[in-house]
Amino acid sequence: MSTETVSITRRIEFDAGHRIPDHLSRCRHLHGHRYAVEATVTGEVRRQPGHPEHGMVIDFAALKDILASEVAEPWDHAFLAFRGDREVVAMLAALPGHKTVLLDAVPTAENLAAIAAEKIEQALNARYGGRVRLRRLRLYETPNCWADVIGD
């Protein structure tokens, strides 16, 4: 039977706060978004009768699990803070039990998309050994604004 390379996409949403400390407009203030992440993965359709993913590139539920464990669960209802944003990091550290995610980059849509893509690529490689690859990661900051990371 022939093999085909196919892409599938799964979307997941989460809520998080952030700020862009050096921004010249209102994004320098603490605020939040309803983020959405769409991961498009590509690979050959599995042709293995009896295998749970027979006829699939990857089970949508498996892709959802990866998106949830790598991005949505760690970032949901957290404040995504740039490690170098000293004032905000100190303020958040003073809040008992606050869910804060410290990042090595300013939490712009572009940087968050790149961080999410790296995490998802690593998880896909660990689980599928290169058989399934991340083709595109799209992170929506708002319904009208998003950043894409395009894989090879």
C-alpha atoms as a PDB file:
ATOM      1  CA  MET A   1       0.000   0.000   0.000  1.00  0.00           C
ATOM      2  CA  SER A   2       1.269   3.496  -0.752  1.00  0.00           C
ATOM      3  CA  THR A   3       2.398   5.874   1.957  1.00  0.00           C
ATOM      4  CA  GLU A   4       1.192   9.430   2.113  1.00  0.00           C
ATOM      5  CA  THR A   5       2.530  12.350   4.074  1.00  0.00           C
ATOM      6  CA  VAL A   6      -0.330  14.153   5.760  1.00  0.00           C
ATOM      7  CA  SER A   7      -0.584  17.080   8.164  1.00  0.00           C
ATOM      8  CA  ILE A   8      -3.083  17.384  10.992  1.00  0.00           C
ATOM      9  CA  THR A   9      -3.741  20.267  13.367  1.00  0.00           C
ATOM     10  CA  ARG A  10      -4.928  20.369  16.981  1.00  0.00           C
ATOM     11  CA  ARG A  11      -5.863  23.482  18.951  1.00  0.00           C
ATOM     12  CA  ILE A  12      -5.856  24.049  22.703  1.00  0.00           C
ATOM     13  CA  GLU A  13      -6.587  27.187  24.744  1.00  0.00           C
ATOM     14  CA  PHE A  14      -5.421  28.586  28.067  1.00  0.00           C
ATOM     15  CA  ASP A  15      -5.466  31.839  30.011  1.00  0.00           C
ATOM     16  CA  ALA A  16      -2.327  33.616  31.182  1.00  0.00           C
ATOM     17  CA  GLY A  17      -1.008  37.024  32.145  1.00  0.00           C
ATOM     18  CA  HIS A  18       2.120  38.791  30.971  1.00  0.00           C
ATOM     19  CA  ARG A  19       3.628  42.154  30.238  1.00  0.00           C
ATOM     20  CA  ILE A  20       6.149  43.469  27.750  1.00  0.00           C
ATOM     21  CA  PRO A  21       8.342  45.603  30.030  1.00  0.00           C
ATOM     22  CA  ASP A  22       9.969  47.881  27.426  1.00  0.00           C
ATOM     23  CA  HIS A  23       6.893  48.333  25.241  1.00  0.00           C
ATOM     24  CA  LEU A  24       5.982  51.939  24.516  1.00  0.00           C
ATOM     25  CA  SER A  25       2.239  51.402  24.771  1.00  0.00           C
ATOM     26  CA  ARG A  26      -0.254  49.665  27.042  1.00  0.00           C
ATOM     27  CA  CYS A  27       1.331  46.212  26.697  1.00  0.00           C
ATOM     28  CA  ARG A  28       3.941  47.316  29.265  1.00  0.00           C
ATOM     29  CA  HIS A  29       1.178  46.993  31.882  1.00  0.00           C
ATOM     30  CA  LEU A  30       0.193  43.725  33.572  1.00  0.00           C
ATOM     31  CA  HIS A  31      -2.606  42.130  31.553  1.00  0.00           C
ATOM     32  CA  GLY A  32      -3.889  38.778  30.374  1.00  0.00           C
ATOM     33  CA  HIS A  33      -5.056  36.934  27.298  1.00  0.00           C
ATOM     34  CA  ARG A  34      -7.065  33.912  26.270  1.00  0.00           C
ATOM     35  CA  TYR A  35      -4.253  32.266  24.322  1.00  0.00           C
ATOM     36  CA  ALA A  36      -4.739  29.505  21.779  1.00  0.00           C
ATOM     37  CA  VAL A  37      -2.057  27.209  20.429  1.00  0.00           C
ATOM     38  CA  GLU A  38      -2.443  25.303  17.187  1.00  0.00           C
ATOM     39  CA  ALA A  39       0.112  22.650  16.357  1.00  0.00           C
ATOM     40  CA  THR A  40       0.257  21.253  12.856  1.00  0.00           C
ATOM     41  CA  VAL A  41       2.210  18.033  12.655  1.00  0.00           C
ATOM     42  CA  THR A  42       3.174  16.046   9.613  1.00  0.00           C
ATOM     43  CA  GLY A  43       4.178  12.486   8.935  1.00  0.00           C
ATOM     44  CA  GLU A  44       3.302   9.368   7.053  1.00  0.00           C
ATOM     45  CA  VAL A  45      -0.058   7.819   7.700  1.00  0.00           C
ATOM     46  CA  ARG A  46       0.545   4.692   9.759  1.00  0.00           C
ATOM     47  CA  ARG A  47      -0.399   1.548   7.830  1.00  0.00           C
ATOM     48  CA  GLN A  48      -0.297  -1.100  10.539  1.00  0.00           C
ATOM     49  CA  PRO A  49      -3.541  -3.039  10.930  1.00  0.00           C
ATOM     50  CA  GLY A  50      -4.241  -3.642  14.595  1.00  0.00           C
ATOM     51  CA  HIS A  51      -2.186  -0.632  15.751  1.00  0.00           C
ATOM     52  CA  PRO A  52      -4.276   1.991  17.620  1.00  0.00           C
ATOM     53  CA  GLU A  53      -3.022   4.706  15.248  1.00  0.00           C
ATOM     54  CA  HIS A  54      -3.606   2.691  12.053  1.00  0.00           C
ATOM     55  CA  GLY A  55      -4.773   5.119   9.363  1.00  0.00           C
ATOM     56  CA  MET A  56      -3.486   8.163  11.301  1.00  0.00           C
ATOM     57  CA  VAL A  57      -0.395  10.325  11.410  1.00  0.00           C
ATOM     58  CA  ILE A  58      -0.983  10.679  15.157  1.00  0.00           C
ATOM     59  CA  ASP A  59      -4.103  10.361  17.261  1.00  0.00           C
ATOM     60  CA  PHE A  60      -5.673  13.797  17.859  1.00  0.00           C
ATOM     61  CA  ALA A  61      -5.949  12.858  21.549  1.00  0.00           C
ATOM     62  CA  ALA A  62      -2.207  12.149  21.731  1.00  0.00           C
ATOM     63  CA  LEU A  63      -1.448  15.520  20.153  1.00  0.00           C
ATOM     64  CA  LYS A  64      -3.840  17.186  22.601  1.00  0.00           C
ATOM     65  CA  ASP A  65      -2.041  15.468  25.497  1.00  0.00           C
ATOM     66  CA  ILE A  66       1.309  16.817  24.290  1.00  0.00           C
ATOM     67  CA  LEU A  67      -0.050  20.352  23.863  1.00  0.00           C
ATOM     68  CA  ALA A  68      -1.659  20.198  27.297  1.00  0.00           C
ATOM     69  CA  SER A  69       1.318  18.780  29.186  1.00  0.00           C
ATOM     70  CA  GLU A  70       3.971  20.913  27.492  1.00  0.00           C
ATOM     71  CA  VAL A  71       2.210  24.272  27.156  1.00  0.00           C
ATOM     72  CA  ALA A  72      -1.379  24.656  28.334  1.00  0.00           C
ATOM     73  CA  GLU A  73      -1.136  23.094  31.802  1.00  0.00           C
ATOM     74  CA  PRO A  74       2.151  24.756  32.828  1.00  0.00           C
ATOM     75  CA  TRP A  75       1.055  28.169  31.470  1.00  0.00           C
ATOM     76  CA  ASP A  76      -2.688  28.158  32.258  1.00  0.00           C
ATOM     77  CA  HIS A  77      -3.673  30.757  34.852  1.00  0.00           C
ATOM     78  CA  ALA A  78      -0.014  31.643  35.341  1.00  0.00           C
ATOM     79  CA  PHE A  79       1.814  34.900  34.921  1.00  0.00           C
ATOM     80  CA  LEU A  80       4.438  34.485  32.187  1.00  0.00           C
ATOM     81  CA  ALA A  81       7.281  36.748  33.294  1.00  0.00           C
ATOM     82  CA  PHE A  82      10.591  37.636  31.724  1.00  0.00           C
ATOM     83  CA  ARG A  83      13.294  36.673  34.207  1.00  0.00           C
ATOM     84  CA  GLY A  84      14.943  40.075  33.665  1.00  0.00           C
ATOM     85  CA  ASP A  85      11.775  42.003  34.615  1.00  0.00           C
ATOM     86  CA  ARG A  86      13.024  42.463  38.180  1.00  0.00           C
ATOM     87  CA  GLU A  87      10.142  44.505  39.577  1.00  0.00           C
ATOM     88  CA  VAL A  88       7.444  42.110  38.390  1.00  0.00           C
ATOM     89  CA  VAL A  89       9.424  39.018  39.359  1.00  0.00           C
ATOM     90  CA  ALA A  90       9.903  40.430  42.882  1.00  0.00           C
ATOM     91  CA  MET A  91       6.212  41.360  43.163  1.00  0.00           C
ATOM     92  CA  LEU A  92       5.066  37.904  42.054  1.00  0.00           C
ATOM     93  CA  ALA A  93       7.532  36.196  44.403  1.00  0.00           C
ATOM     94  CA  ALA A  94       5.888  38.073  47.281  1.00  0.00           C
ATOM     95  CA  LEU A  95       2.500  36.484  46.507  1.00  0.00           C
ATOM     96  CA  PRO A  96       2.217  33.172  48.405  1.00  0.00           C
ATOM     97  CA  GLY A  97       1.558  30.240  46.093  1.00  0.00           C
ATOM     98  CA  HIS A  98       1.314  32.376  42.958  1.00  0.00           C
ATOM     99  CA  LYS A  99       1.696  30.461  39.697  1.00  0.00           C
ATOM    100  CA  THR A 100       4.536  32.227  37.925  1.00  0.00           C
ATOM    101  CA  VAL A 101       6.475  30.934  34.929  1.00  0.00           C
ATOM    102  CA  LEU A 102       9.859  32.602  34.550  1.00  0.00           C
ATOM    103  CA  LEU A 103      11.100  32.819  30.977  1.00  0.00           C
ATOM    104  CA  ASP A 104      14.506  33.650  29.539  1.00  0.00           C
ATOM    105  CA  ALA A 105      12.802  35.833  26.904  1.00  0.00           C
ATOM    106  CA  VAL A 106      10.269  38.645  27.005  1.00  0.00           C
ATOM    107  CA  PRO A 107       6.822  36.985  26.712  1.00  0.00           C
ATOM    108  CA  THR A 108       5.856  38.388  23.312  1.00  0.00           C
ATOM    109  CA  ALA A 109       3.674  36.261  21.049  1.00  0.00           C
ATOM    110  CA  GLU A 110       6.741  35.544  18.922  1.00  0.00           C
ATOM    111  CA  ASN A 111       8.866  34.365  21.848  1.00  0.00           C
ATOM    112  CA  LEU A 112       6.059  32.337  23.421  1.00  0.00           C
ATOM    113  CA  ALA A 113       5.434  30.629  20.067  1.00  0.00           C
ATOM    114  CA  ALA A 114       9.132  29.752  19.752  1.00  0.00           C
ATOM    115  CA  ILE A 115       9.272  28.399  23.322  1.00  0.00           C
ATOM    116  CA  ALA A 116       6.087  26.362  22.806  1.00  0.00           C
ATOM    117  CA  ALA A 117       7.371  24.992  19.482  1.00  0.00           C
ATOM    118  CA  GLU A 118      10.608  23.828  21.074  1.00  0.00           C
ATOM    119  CA  LYS A 119       8.756  22.068  23.899  1.00  0.00           C
ATOM    120  CA  ILE A 120       6.337  20.357  21.510  1.00  0.00           C
ATOM    121  CA  GLU A 121       9.112  19.289  19.117  1.00  0.00           C
ATOM    122  CA  GLN A 122      11.010  17.691  21.986  1.00  0.00           C
ATOM    123  CA  ALA A 123       7.897  15.851  23.191  1.00  0.00           C
ATOM    124  CA  LEU A 124       7.089  14.611  19.678  1.00  0.00           C
ATOM    125  CA  ASN A 125      10.658  13.375  19.207  1.00  0.00           C
ATOM    126  CA  ALA A 126      10.627  11.612  22.561  1.00  0.00           C
ATOM    127  CA  ARG A 127       7.321   9.883  21.815  1.00  0.00           C
ATOM    128  CA  TYR A 128       7.538   9.279  18.054  1.00  0.00           C
ATOM    129  CA  GLY A 129      11.278   9.273  17.325  1.00  0.00           C
ATOM    130  CA  GLY A 130      11.088  11.625  14.347  1.00  0.00           C
ATOM    131  CA  ARG A 131       8.154   9.847  12.655  1.00  0.00           C
ATOM    132  CA  VAL A 132       5.906  12.851  13.432  1.00  0.00           C
ATOM    133  CA  ARG A 133       7.326  16.350  12.995  1.00  0.00           C
ATOM    134  CA  LEU A 134       6.063  19.776  13.974  1.00  0.00           C
ATOM    135  CA  ARG A 135       5.281  21.609  10.770  1.00  0.00           C
ATOM    136  CA  ARG A 136       3.795  24.780  12.233  1.00  0.00           C
ATOM    137  CA  LEU A 137       3.069  26.161  15.670  1.00  0.00           C
ATOM    138  CA  ARG A 138       0.617  29.048  15.788  1.00  0.00           C
ATOM    139  CA  LEU A 139       0.137  30.944  19.034  1.00  0.00           C
ATOM    140  CA  TYR A 140      -2.844  33.289  19.158  1.00  0.00           C
ATOM    141  CA  GLU A 141      -2.486  36.133  21.620  1.00  0.00           C
ATOM    142  CA  THR A 142      -5.898  37.455  20.587  1.00  0.00           C
ATOM    143  CA  PRO A 143      -8.342  36.238  17.929  1.00  0.00           C
ATOM    144  CA  ASN A 144      -6.788  38.785  15.536  1.00  0.00           C
ATOM    145  CA  CYS A 145      -3.092  38.550  16.467  1.00  0.00           C
ATOM    146  CA  TRP A 146      -0.829  35.504  16.291  1.00  0.00           C
ATOM    147  CA  ALA A 147       2.706  34.325  15.682  1.00  0.00           C
ATOM    148  CA  ASP A 148       3.753  31.323  13.622  1.00  0.00           C
ATOM    149  CA  VAL A 149       6.836  29.158  13.952  1.00  0.00           C
ATOM    150  CA  ILE A 150       7.351  27.199  10.757  1.00  0.00           C
ATOM    151  CA  GLY A 151       9.221  23.891  10.934  1.00  0.00           C
ATOM    152  CA  ASP A 152      11.450  22.418   8.245  1.00  0.00           C
END
